[in-house]
PDB file of all heavy atoms in Angstrom:
ATOM      1  N   GLU A   1     142.501  51.141   7.917  1.00  0.00           N
ATOM      2  CA  GLU A   1     143.201  50.545   8.954  1.00  0.00           C
ATOM      3  C   GLU A   1     142.335  49.379   9.682  1.00  0.00           C
ATOM      4  O   GLU A   1     142.839  48.932  10.696  1.00  0.00           O
ATOM      5  CB  GLU A   1     143.676  51.601  10.086  1.00  0.00           C
ATOM      6  CG  GLU A   1     144.600  52.594   9.445  1.00  0.00           C
ATOM      7  CD  GLU A   1     144.841  53.696  10.504  1.00  0.00           C
ATOM      8  OE1 GLU A   1     144.262  53.847  11.526  1.00  0.00           O
ATOM      9  OE2 GLU A   1     145.697  54.557   9.967  1.00  0.00           O
ATOM     10  N   HIS A   2     141.239  49.101   9.113  1.00  0.00           N
ATOM     11  CA  HIS A   2     140.404  48.100   9.576  1.00  0.00           C
ATOM     12  C   HIS A   2     139.926  48.360  11.111  1.00  0.00           C
ATOM     13  O   HIS A   2     140.031  47.485  11.911  1.00  0.00           O
ATOM     14  CB  HIS A   2     140.982  46.585   9.508  1.00  0.00           C
ATOM     15  CG  HIS A   2     141.281  46.330   8.006  1.00  0.00           C
ATOM     16  ND1 HIS A   2     140.402  46.037   7.177  1.00  0.00           N
ATOM     17  CD2 HIS A   2     142.573  46.172   7.530  1.00  0.00           C
ATOM     18  CE1 HIS A   2     140.953  45.749   5.886  1.00  0.00           C
ATOM     19  NE2 HIS A   2     142.280  45.905   6.202  1.00  0.00           N
ATOM     20  N   ARG A   3     139.450  49.531  11.312  1.00  0.00           N
ATOM     21  CA  ARG A   3     138.921  49.832  12.708  1.00  0.00           C
ATOM     22  C   ARG A   3     137.670  50.563  12.543  1.00  0.00           C
ATOM     23  O   ARG A   3     137.340  50.933  11.440  1.00  0.00           O
ATOM     24  CB  ARG A   3     140.028  50.703  13.597  1.00  0.00           C
ATOM     25  CG  ARG A   3     140.375  51.990  12.877  1.00  0.00           C
ATOM     26  CD  ARG A   3     141.402  52.747  13.793  1.00  0.00           C
ATOM     27  NE  ARG A   3     141.904  53.831  13.009  1.00  0.00           N
ATOM     28  CZ  ARG A   3     141.435  55.062  12.994  1.00  0.00           C
ATOM     29  NH1 ARG A   3     140.299  55.210  13.690  1.00  0.00           N
ATOM     30  NH2 ARG A   3     141.880  56.141  12.262  1.00  0.00           N
ATOM     31  N   GLU A   4     136.967  50.770  13.625  1.00  0.00           N
ATOM     32  CA  GLU A   4     135.713  51.340  13.656  1.00  0.00           C
ATOM     33  C   GLU A   4     135.810  52.875  13.247  1.00  0.00           C
ATOM     34  O   GLU A   4     136.817  53.454  13.900  1.00  0.00           O
ATOM     35  CB  GLU A   4     135.057  51.313  15.023  1.00  0.00           C
ATOM     36  CG  GLU A   4     134.426  49.860  15.216  1.00  0.00           C
ATOM     37  CD  GLU A   4     133.191  49.662  14.381  1.00  0.00           C
ATOM     38  OE1 GLU A   4     132.383  50.632  14.126  1.00  0.00           O
ATOM     39  OE2 GLU A   4     133.140  48.496  13.798  1.00  0.00           O
ATOM     40  N   PRO A   5     134.980  53.317  12.547  1.00  0.00           N
ATOM     41  CA  PRO A   5     135.060  54.906  12.216  1.00  0.00           C
ATOM     42  C   PRO A   5     134.829  55.647  13.531  1.00  0.00           C
ATOM     43  O   PRO A   5     133.891  55.124  14.358  1.00  0.00           O
ATOM     44  CB  PRO A   5     134.116  55.228  11.201  1.00  0.00           C
ATOM     45  CG  PRO A   5     133.226  53.895  11.053  1.00  0.00           C
ATOM     46  CD  PRO A   5     133.982  52.755  11.662  1.00  0.00           C
ATOM     47  N   PRO A   6     135.332  56.873  13.656  1.00  0.00           N
ATOM     48  CA  PRO A   6     134.875  57.595  14.983  1.00  0.00           C
ATOM     49  C   PRO A   6     133.459  58.061  14.849  1.00  0.00           C
ATOM     50  O   PRO A   6     132.920  58.254  13.865  1.00  0.00           O
ATOM     51  CB  PRO A   6     135.938  58.732  14.854  1.00  0.00           C
ATOM     52  CG  PRO A   6     136.272  58.960  13.333  1.00  0.00           C
ATOM     53  CD  PRO A   6     136.206  57.614  12.867  1.00  0.00           C
ATOM     54  N   LYS A   7     132.953  58.036  16.160  1.00  0.00           N
ATOM     55  CA  LYS A   7     131.541  58.517  16.309  1.00  0.00           C
ATOM     56  C   LYS A   7     131.492  60.053  16.276  1.00  0.00           C
ATOM     57  O   LYS A   7     132.307  60.730  16.887  1.00  0.00           O
ATOM     58  CB  LYS A   7     131.009  58.100  17.683  1.00  0.00           C
ATOM     59  CG  LYS A   7     130.869  56.663  17.847  1.00  0.00           C
ATOM     60  CD  LYS A   7     129.839  56.036  16.879  1.00  0.00           C
ATOM     61  CE  LYS A   7     129.877  54.671  17.202  1.00  0.00           C
ATOM     62  NZ  LYS A   7     129.074  53.901  16.145  1.00  0.00           N
ATOM     63  N   LEU A   8     130.694  60.604  15.465  1.00  0.00           N
ATOM     64  CA  LEU A   8     130.654  62.066  15.296  1.00  0.00           C
ATOM     65  C   LEU A   8     129.687  62.513  16.180  1.00  0.00           C
ATOM     66  O   LEU A   8     128.639  62.125  16.524  1.00  0.00           O
ATOM     67  CB  LEU A   8     130.146  62.300  13.813  1.00  0.00           C
ATOM     68  CG  LEU A   8     131.163  61.958  12.751  1.00  0.00           C
ATOM     69  CD1 LEU A   8     130.493  62.328  11.377  1.00  0.00           C
ATOM     70  CD2 LEU A   8     132.471  62.576  12.924  1.00  0.00           C
ATOM     71  N   GLU A   9     130.067  63.734  16.816  1.00  0.00           N
ATOM     72  CA  GLU A   9     129.215  64.409  17.829  1.00  0.00           C
ATOM     73  C   GLU A   9     128.036  65.104  17.019  1.00  0.00           C
ATOM     74  O   GLU A   9     128.280  65.856  16.063  1.00  0.00           O
ATOM     75  CB  GLU A   9     129.981  65.427  18.580  1.00  0.00           C
ATOM     76  CG  GLU A   9     131.060  64.752  19.345  1.00  0.00           C
ATOM     77  CD  GLU A   9     131.882  65.861  20.165  1.00  0.00           C
ATOM     78  OE1 GLU A   9     131.545  67.022  20.197  1.00  0.00           O
ATOM     79  OE2 GLU A   9     132.959  65.455  20.749  1.00  0.00           O
ATOM     80  N   GLU A  10     126.915  64.986  17.600  1.00  0.00           N
ATOM     81  CA  GLU A  10     125.748  65.709  16.982  1.00  0.00           C
ATOM     82  C   GLU A  10     125.810  67.163  17.443  1.00  0.00           C
ATOM     83  O   GLU A  10     126.148  67.519  18.517  1.00  0.00           O
ATOM     84  CB  GLU A  10     124.373  65.135  17.508  1.00  0.00           C
ATOM     85  CG  GLU A  10     124.212  63.759  16.872  1.00  0.00           C
ATOM     86  CD  GLU A  10     123.841  63.695  15.488  1.00  0.00           C
ATOM     87  OE1 GLU A  10     123.326  64.681  14.870  1.00  0.00           O
ATOM     88  OE2 GLU A  10     124.259  62.875  14.861  1.00  0.00           O
ATOM     89  N   PRO A  11     125.684  68.238  16.562  1.00  0.00           N
ATOM     90  CA  PRO A  11     125.531  69.555  16.882  1.00  0.00           C
ATOM     91  C   PRO A  11     124.527  69.826  17.890  1.00  0.00           C
ATOM     92  O   PRO A  11     123.406  69.239  17.715  1.00  0.00           O
ATOM     93  CB  PRO A  11     125.539  70.323  15.616  1.00  0.00           C
ATOM     94  CG  PRO A  11     124.846  69.233  14.722  1.00  0.00           C
ATOM     95  CD  PRO A  11     125.251  67.916  15.168  1.00  0.00           C
ATOM     96  N   GLU A  12     124.808  70.821  18.824  1.00  0.00           N
ATOM     97  CA  GLU A  12     123.754  71.142  19.714  1.00  0.00           C
ATOM     98  C   GLU A  12     122.604  71.865  18.944  1.00  0.00           C
ATOM     99  O   GLU A  12     122.694  72.576  18.160  1.00  0.00           O
ATOM    100  CB  GLU A  12     124.437  72.302  20.706  1.00  0.00           C
ATOM    101  CG  GLU A  12     125.178  71.723  21.628  1.00  0.00           C
ATOM    102  CD  GLU A  12     125.712  72.819  22.650  1.00  0.00           C
ATOM    103  OE1 GLU A  12     124.963  73.750  22.823  1.00  0.00           O
ATOM    104  OE2 GLU A  12     126.798  72.546  23.033  1.00  0.00           O
ATOM    105  N   GLU A  13     121.447  71.414  19.370  1.00  0.00           N
ATOM    106  CA  GLU A  13     120.211  72.032  18.758  1.00  0.00           C
ATOM    107  C   GLU A  13     119.925  73.261  19.636  1.00  0.00           C
ATOM    108  O   GLU A  13     119.516  73.025  20.830  1.00  0.00           O
ATOM    109  CB  GLU A  13     119.150  71.066  18.658  1.00  0.00           C
ATOM    110  CG  GLU A  13     119.256  70.058  17.540  1.00  0.00           C
ATOM    111  CD  GLU A  13     118.122  69.129  17.307  1.00  0.00           C
ATOM    112  OE1 GLU A  13     116.812  69.841  17.584  1.00  0.00           O
ATOM    113  OE2 GLU A  13     118.135  68.121  16.880  1.00  0.00           O
ATOM    114  N   LYS A  14     119.781  74.348  19.139  1.00  0.00           N
ATOM    115  CA  LYS A  14     119.312  75.591  19.830  1.00  0.00           C
ATOM    116  C   LYS A  14     117.755  75.630  19.815  1.00  0.00           C
ATOM    117  O   LYS A  14     117.300  75.540  18.668  1.00  0.00           O
ATOM    118  CB  LYS A  14     119.941  76.790  19.280  1.00  0.00           C
ATOM    119  CG  LYS A  14     121.466  76.754  19.246  1.00  0.00           C
ATOM    120  CD  LYS A  14     122.130  77.912  18.671  1.00  0.00           C
ATOM    121  CE  LYS A  14     123.543  77.975  18.677  1.00  0.00           C
ATOM    122  NZ  LYS A  14     124.312  79.010  17.870  1.00  0.00           N
ATOM    123  N   PRO A  15     117.214  75.844  20.966  1.00  0.00           N
ATOM    124  CA  PRO A  15     115.650  75.896  21.076  1.00  0.00           C
ATOM    125  C   PRO A  15     115.208  77.099  20.185  1.00  0.00           C
ATOM    126  O   PRO A  15     115.738  78.163  20.392  1.00  0.00           O
ATOM    127  CB  PRO A  15     115.392  75.926  22.431  1.00  0.00           C
ATOM    128  CG  PRO A  15     116.526  76.393  23.104  1.00  0.00           C
ATOM    129  CD  PRO A  15     117.767  75.985  22.403  1.00  0.00           C
ATOM    130  N   GLY A  16     114.203  77.004  19.333  1.00  0.00           N
ATOM    131  CA  GLY A  16     113.736  77.944  18.550  1.00  0.00           C
ATOM    132  C   GLY A  16     112.561  78.691  19.125  1.00  0.00           C
ATOM    133  O   GLY A  16     112.091  78.052  20.147  1.00  0.00           O
ATOM    134  N   GLN A  17     112.289  79.689  18.678  1.00  0.00           N
ATOM    135  CA  GLN A  17     111.110  80.362  19.289  1.00  0.00           C
ATOM    136  C   GLN A  17     109.824  80.063  18.451  1.00  0.00           C
ATOM    137  O   GLN A  17     109.766  79.996  17.197  1.00  0.00           O
ATOM    138  CB  GLN A  17     111.247  81.937  18.988  1.00  0.00           C
ATOM    139  CG  GLN A  17     110.137  82.715  19.463  1.00  0.00           C
ATOM    140  CD  GLN A  17     110.303  84.292  19.312  1.00  0.00           C
ATOM    141  OE1 GLN A  17     111.372  84.645  18.781  1.00  0.00           O
ATOM    142  NE2 GLN A  17     109.380  84.998  19.750  1.00  0.00           N
ATOM    143  N   LEU A  18     108.772  79.481  19.192  1.00  0.00           N
ATOM    144  CA  LEU A  18     107.581  79.205  18.517  1.00  0.00           C
ATOM    145  C   LEU A  18     106.631  80.368  18.386  1.00  0.00           C
ATOM    146  O   LEU A  18     106.621  81.186  19.237  1.00  0.00           O
ATOM    147  CB  LEU A  18     106.913  78.134  19.331  1.00  0.00           C
ATOM    148  CG  LEU A  18     107.554  76.752  19.495  1.00  0.00           C
ATOM    149  CD1 LEU A  18     106.760  75.949  20.417  1.00  0.00           C
ATOM    150  CD2 LEU A  18     107.748  76.133  18.266  1.00  0.00           C
ATOM    151  N   VAL A  19     106.092  80.501  17.065  1.00  0.00           N
ATOM    152  CA  VAL A  19     105.331  81.662  16.880  1.00  0.00           C
ATOM    153  C   VAL A  19     103.888  81.117  16.494  1.00  0.00           C
ATOM    154  O   VAL A  19     103.731  80.185  15.761  1.00  0.00           O
ATOM    155  CB  VAL A  19     105.832  82.421  15.597  1.00  0.00           C
ATOM    156  CG1 VAL A  19     105.026  83.660  15.363  1.00  0.00           C
ATOM    157  CG2 VAL A  19     107.264  82.844  15.879  1.00  0.00           C
ATOM    158  N   ASP A  20     102.921  81.762  17.163  1.00  0.00           N
ATOM    159  CA  ASP A  20     101.604  81.529  16.835  1.00  0.00           C
ATOM    160  C   ASP A  20     101.116  82.329  15.591  1.00  0.00           C
ATOM    161  O   ASP A  20     101.042  83.597  15.635  1.00  0.00           O
ATOM    162  CB  ASP A  20     100.652  81.919  18.048  1.00  0.00           C
ATOM    163  CG  ASP A  20      99.061  81.615  17.636  1.00  0.00           C
ATOM    164  OD1 ASP A  20      98.885  80.946  16.768  1.00  0.00           O
ATOM    165  OD2 ASP A  20      98.251  82.012  18.516  1.00  0.00           O
ATOM    166  N   LEU A  21     101.077  81.700  14.469  1.00  0.00           N
ATOM    167  CA  LEU A  21     100.887  82.282  13.226  1.00  0.00           C
ATOM    168  C   LEU A  21      99.616  83.099  13.069  1.00  0.00           C
ATOM    169  O   LEU A  21      99.555  84.274  12.520  1.00  0.00           O
ATOM    170  CB  LEU A  21     100.965  81.439  12.026  1.00  0.00           C
ATOM    171  CG  LEU A  21     102.396  80.708  11.782  1.00  0.00           C
ATOM    172  CD1 LEU A  21     102.373  79.842  10.649  1.00  0.00           C
ATOM    173  CD2 LEU A  21     103.389  81.816  11.549  1.00  0.00           C
ATOM    174  N   MET A  22      98.545  82.537  13.577  1.00  0.00           N
ATOM    175  CA  MET A  22      97.240  83.258  13.664  1.00  0.00           C
ATOM    176  C   MET A  22      97.254  84.519  14.381  1.00  0.00           C
ATOM    177  O   MET A  22      96.729  85.526  14.027  1.00  0.00           O
ATOM    178  CB  MET A  22      96.097  82.334  14.078  1.00  0.00           C
ATOM    179  CG  MET A  22      95.692  81.200  13.000  1.00  0.00           C
ATOM    180  SD  MET A  22      95.316  81.831  11.404  1.00  0.00           S
ATOM    181  CE  MET A  22      93.827  82.783  11.819  1.00  0.00           C
ATOM    182  N   ALA A  23      97.909  84.471  15.633  1.00  0.00           N
ATOM    183  CA  ALA A  23      97.997  85.601  16.375  1.00  0.00           C
ATOM    184  C   ALA A  23      98.778  86.743  15.780  1.00  0.00           C
ATOM    185  O   ALA A  23      98.508  87.927  15.894  1.00  0.00           O
ATOM    186  CB  ALA A  23      98.619  85.295  17.809  1.00  0.00           C
ATOM    187  N   ALA A  24      99.876  86.327  14.984  1.00  0.00           N
ATOM    188  CA  ALA A  24     100.799  87.365  14.416  1.00  0.00           C
ATOM    189  C   ALA A  24     100.055  87.906  13.286  1.00  0.00           C
ATOM    190  O   ALA A  24     100.172  89.023  12.995  1.00  0.00           O
ATOM    191  CB  ALA A  24     102.035  86.526  13.886  1.00  0.00           C
ATOM    192  N   LEU A  25      99.312  87.006  12.546  1.00  0.00           N
ATOM    193  CA  LEU A  25      98.523  87.514  11.360  1.00  0.00           C
ATOM    194  C   LEU A  25      97.396  88.547  11.881  1.00  0.00           C
ATOM    195  O   LEU A  25      97.179  89.572  11.243  1.00  0.00           O
ATOM    196  CB  LEU A  25      97.828  86.433  10.593  1.00  0.00           C
ATOM    197  CG  LEU A  25      96.945  86.847   9.456  1.00  0.00           C
ATOM    198  CD1 LEU A  25      97.741  87.597   8.366  1.00  0.00           C
ATOM    199  CD2 LEU A  25      96.313  85.589   8.720  1.00  0.00           C
ATOM    200  N   SER A  26      96.706  88.102  12.914  1.00  0.00           N
ATOM    201  CA  SER A  26      95.644  89.052  13.510  1.00  0.00           C
ATOM    202  C   SER A  26      96.243  90.441  13.907  1.00  0.00           C
ATOM    203  O   SER A  26      95.729  91.445  13.599  1.00  0.00           O
ATOM    204  CB  SER A  26      94.964  88.381  14.692  1.00  0.00           C
ATOM    205  OG  SER A  26      94.281  87.180  14.174  1.00  0.00           O
ATOM    206  N   GLY A  27      97.493  90.369  14.606  1.00  0.00           N
ATOM    207  CA  GLY A  27      98.093  91.555  14.956  1.00  0.00           C
ATOM    208  C   GLY A  27      98.488  92.405  13.797  1.00  0.00           C
ATOM    209  O   GLY A  27      98.440  93.616  13.840  1.00  0.00           O
ATOM    210  N   SER A  28      98.990  91.762  12.770  1.00  0.00           N
ATOM    211  CA  SER A  28      99.457  92.494  11.586  1.00  0.00           C
ATOM    212  C   SER A  28      98.205  93.227  10.853  1.00  0.00           C
ATOM    213  O   SER A  28      98.274  94.388  10.361  1.00  0.00           O
ATOM    214  CB  SER A  28     100.007  91.553  10.682  1.00  0.00           C
ATOM    215  OG  SER A  28     100.345  92.206   9.366  1.00  0.00           O
ATOM    216  N   VAL A  29      97.126  92.599  10.800  1.00  0.00           N
ATOM    217  CA  VAL A  29      95.898  93.026  10.199  1.00  0.00           C
ATOM    218  C   VAL A  29      95.373  94.189  11.039  1.00  0.00           C
ATOM    219  O   VAL A  29      94.988  95.214  10.487  1.00  0.00           O
ATOM    220  CB  VAL A  29      94.765  91.923  10.125  1.00  0.00           C
ATOM    221  CG1 VAL A  29      93.431  92.491   9.754  1.00  0.00           C
ATOM    222  CG2 VAL A  29      95.178  90.916   9.000  1.00  0.00           C
ATOM    223  N   GLN A  30      95.394  94.094  12.325  1.00  0.00           N
ATOM    224  CA  GLN A  30      94.994  95.143  13.195  1.00  0.00           C
ATOM    225  C   GLN A  30      95.896  96.431  12.871  1.00  0.00           C
ATOM    226  O   GLN A  30      95.264  97.532  12.823  1.00  0.00           O
ATOM    227  CB  GLN A  30      94.882  94.769  14.704  1.00  0.00           C
ATOM    228  CG  GLN A  30      93.848  93.748  15.028  1.00  0.00           C
ATOM    229  CD  GLN A  30      93.928  93.373  16.450  1.00  0.00           C
ATOM    230  OE1 GLN A  30      94.797  93.598  17.132  1.00  0.00           O
ATOM    231  NE2 GLN A  30      92.883  92.600  16.791  1.00  0.00           N
ATOM    232  N   LYS A  31      97.158  96.205  13.024  1.00  0.00           N
ATOM    233  CA  LYS A  31      98.014  97.296  12.687  1.00  0.00           C
ATOM    234  C   LYS A  31      97.811  98.024  11.340  1.00  0.00           C
ATOM    235  O   LYS A  31      97.801  99.220  11.193  1.00  0.00           O
ATOM    236  CB  LYS A  31      99.580  96.963  12.890  1.00  0.00           C
ATOM    237  CG  LYS A  31      99.877  96.577  14.189  1.00  0.00           C
ATOM    238  CD  LYS A  31     101.318  96.231  14.261  1.00  0.00           C
ATOM    239  CE  LYS A  31     101.778  95.745  15.629  1.00  0.00           C
ATOM    240  NZ  LYS A  31     103.280  95.240  15.454  1.00  0.00           N
ATOM    241  N   ALA A  32      97.590  97.185  10.292  1.00  0.00           N
ATOM    242  CA  ALA A  32      97.377  97.816   9.028  1.00  0.00           C
ATOM    243  C   ALA A  32      96.033  98.511   8.943  1.00  0.00           C
ATOM    244  O   ALA A  32      95.986  99.606   8.403  1.00  0.00           O
ATOM    245  CB  ALA A  32      97.389  96.561   7.891  1.00  0.00           C
ATOM    246  N   ARG A  33      94.992  97.937   9.522  1.00  0.00           N
ATOM    247  CA  ARG A  33      93.778  98.709   9.547  1.00  0.00           C
ATOM    248  C   ARG A  33      93.740 100.023  10.299  1.00  0.00           C
ATOM    249  O   ARG A  33      93.225 100.949   9.906  1.00  0.00           O
ATOM    250  CB  ARG A  33      92.680  97.808  10.103  1.00  0.00           C
ATOM    251  CG  ARG A  33      92.220  96.709   9.063  1.00  0.00           C
ATOM    252  CD  ARG A  33      91.087  95.851   9.580  1.00  0.00           C
ATOM    253  NE  ARG A  33      90.610  94.951   8.672  1.00  0.00           N
ATOM    254  CZ  ARG A  33      89.725  94.085   8.805  1.00  0.00           C
ATOM    255  NH1 ARG A  33      89.094  93.973   9.895  1.00  0.00           N
ATOM    256  NH2 ARG A  33      89.410  93.274   7.817  1.00  0.00           N
ATOM    257  N   ALA A  34      94.527  99.927  11.599  1.00  0.00           N
ATOM    258  CA  ALA A  34      94.646 101.108  12.429  1.00  0.00           C
ATOM    259  C   ALA A  34      95.441 102.205  11.611  1.00  0.00           C
ATOM    260  O   ALA A  34      95.163 103.419  11.747  1.00  0.00           O
ATOM    261  CB  ALA A  34      95.342 100.838  13.660  1.00  0.00           C
ATOM    262  N   SER A  35      96.362 101.882  10.814  1.00  0.00           N
ATOM    263  CA  SER A  35      97.206 102.774  10.093  1.00  0.00           C
ATOM    264  C   SER A  35      96.376 103.509   9.003  1.00  0.00           C
ATOM    265  O   SER A  35      96.547 104.659   8.647  1.00  0.00           O
ATOM    266  CB  SER A  35      98.462 102.189   9.409  1.00  0.00           C
ATOM    267  OG  SER A  35      98.077 101.315   8.513  1.00  0.00           O
ATOM    268  N   ARG A  36      95.366 102.740   8.458  1.00  0.00           N
ATOM    269  CA  ARG A  36      94.415 103.325   7.514  1.00  0.00           C
ATOM    270  C   ARG A  36      93.227 104.045   8.089  1.00  0.00           C
ATOM    271  O   ARG A  36      92.425 104.641   7.294  1.00  0.00           O
ATOM    272  CB  ARG A  36      94.018 102.198   6.508  1.00  0.00           C
ATOM    273  CG  ARG A  36      95.085 101.649   5.627  1.00  0.00           C
ATOM    274  CD  ARG A  36      94.510 100.647   4.593  1.00  0.00           C
ATOM    275  NE  ARG A  36      93.712  99.650   5.239  1.00  0.00           N
ATOM    276  CZ  ARG A  36      94.087  98.251   5.215  1.00  0.00           C
ATOM    277  NH1 ARG A  36      95.067  97.969   4.528  1.00  0.00           N
ATOM    278  NH2 ARG A  36      93.271  97.494   5.694  1.00  0.00           N
ATOM    279  N   GLY A  37      93.131 103.947   9.388  1.00  0.00           N
ATOM    280  CA  GLY A  37      91.987 104.498  10.162  1.00  0.00           C
ATOM    281  C   GLY A  37      90.687 103.636   9.964  1.00  0.00           C
ATOM    282  O   GLY A  37      89.539 104.107  10.199  1.00  0.00           O
ATOM    283  N   GLU A  38      90.742 102.424   9.749  1.00  0.00           N
ATOM    284  CA  GLU A  38      89.625 101.612   9.602  1.00  0.00           C
ATOM    285  C   GLU A  38      89.365 100.928  10.941  1.00  0.00           C
ATOM    286  O   GLU A  38      90.097 101.033  11.841  1.00  0.00           O
ATOM    287  CB  GLU A  38      89.939 100.346   8.515  1.00  0.00           C
ATOM    288  CG  GLU A  38      90.126 101.065   7.145  1.00  0.00           C
ATOM    289  CD  GLU A  38      90.415  99.725   6.144  1.00  0.00           C
ATOM    290  OE1 GLU A  38      90.130  98.605   6.576  1.00  0.00           O
ATOM    291  OE2 GLU A  38      90.732 100.024   5.086  1.00  0.00           O
ATOM    292  N   ASP A  39      88.055 100.210  11.001  1.00  0.00           N
ATOM    293  CA  ASP A  39      87.724  99.563  12.159  1.00  0.00           C
ATOM    294  C   ASP A  39      88.774  98.394  12.387  1.00  0.00           C
ATOM    295  O   ASP A  39      89.025  97.673  11.409  1.00  0.00           O
ATOM    296  CB  ASP A  39      86.435  98.907  12.002  1.00  0.00           C
ATOM    297  CG  ASP A  39      85.867  98.222  13.183  1.00  0.00           C
ATOM    298  OD1 ASP A  39      86.372  98.433  14.331  1.00  0.00           O
ATOM    299  OD2 ASP A  39      84.902  97.341  12.970  1.00  0.00           O
ATOM    300  N   THR A  40      89.220  98.274  13.605  1.00  0.00           N
ATOM    301  CA  THR A  40      90.331  97.230  13.863  1.00  0.00           C
ATOM    302  C   THR A  40      89.808  95.965  14.404  1.00  0.00           C
ATOM    303  O   THR A  40      90.624  95.162  14.861  1.00  0.00           O
ATOM    304  CB  THR A  40      91.409  97.904  14.853  1.00  0.00           C
ATOM    305  OG1 THR A  40      90.667  98.211  16.069  1.00  0.00           O
ATOM    306  CG2 THR A  40      92.080  99.009  14.115  1.00  0.00           C
ATOM    307  N   GLU A  41      88.452  95.761  14.344  1.00  0.00           N
ATOM    308  CA  GLU A  41      87.859  94.495  14.829  1.00  0.00           C
ATOM    309  C   GLU A  41      88.236  93.354  13.912  1.00  0.00           C
ATOM    310  O   GLU A  41      88.053  93.433  12.642  1.00  0.00           O
ATOM    311  CB  GLU A  41      86.507  94.597  14.957  1.00  0.00           C
ATOM    312  CG  GLU A  41      85.797  93.473  15.733  1.00  0.00           C
ATOM    313  CD  GLU A  41      84.241  93.609  15.879  1.00  0.00           C
ATOM    314  OE1 GLU A  41      83.963  94.724  16.059  1.00  0.00           O
ATOM    315  OE2 GLU A  41      83.690  92.658  15.681  1.00  0.00           O
ATOM    316  N   VAL A  42      88.812  92.258  14.355  1.00  0.00           N
ATOM    317  CA  VAL A  42      89.077  91.197  13.620  1.00  0.00           C
ATOM    318  C   VAL A  42      88.280  89.914  14.113  1.00  0.00           C
ATOM    319  O   VAL A  42      88.162  89.695  15.301  1.00  0.00           O
ATOM    320  CB  VAL A  42      90.578  90.697  13.750  1.00  0.00           C
ATOM    321  CG1 VAL A  42      90.926  89.462  12.933  1.00  0.00           C
ATOM    322  CG2 VAL A  42      91.496  91.823  13.378  1.00  0.00           C
ATOM    323  N   HIS A  43      87.559  89.364  13.255  1.00  0.00           N
ATOM    324  CA  HIS A  43      86.634  88.305  13.700  1.00  0.00           C
ATOM    325  C   HIS A  43      87.321  86.981  13.722  1.00  0.00           C
ATOM    326  O   HIS A  43      88.157  86.637  12.781  1.00  0.00           O
ATOM    327  CB  HIS A  43      85.467  88.213  12.632  1.00  0.00           C
ATOM    328  CG  HIS A  43      84.694  89.474  12.590  1.00  0.00           C
ATOM    329  ND1 HIS A  43      83.803  89.912  13.563  1.00  0.00           N
ATOM    330  CD2 HIS A  43      84.641  90.525  11.605  1.00  0.00           C
ATOM    331  CE1 HIS A  43      83.282  91.115  13.352  1.00  0.00           C
ATOM    332  NE2 HIS A  43      83.848  91.466  12.053  1.00  0.00           N
ATOM    333  N   GLU A  44      86.857  86.022  14.461  1.00  0.00           N
ATOM    334  CA  GLU A  44      87.398  84.701  14.566  1.00  0.00           C
ATOM    335  C   GLU A  44      86.952  83.860  13.375  1.00  0.00           C
ATOM    336  O   GLU A  44      85.765  84.121  12.927  1.00  0.00           O
ATOM    337  CB  GLU A  44      87.021  84.062  15.862  1.00  0.00           C
ATOM    338  CG  GLU A  44      87.630  84.611  17.138  1.00  0.00           C
ATOM    339  CD  GLU A  44      89.195  84.364  17.123  1.00  0.00           C
ATOM    340  OE1 GLU A  44      89.628  83.334  16.800  1.00  0.00           O
ATOM    341  OE2 GLU A  44      89.920  85.217  17.571  1.00  0.00           O
TER     342      GLU A  44
END
């Protein structure tokens, strides 16, 4: 029809949850060691 195409609306972006991967890994290691009865100290 020789007219401008309609402008499409951008979908809303839902804010995601940021995760500190090193903190999550350290927590996971501590839980695993505690379940085995090992020393739960994690070094930087």
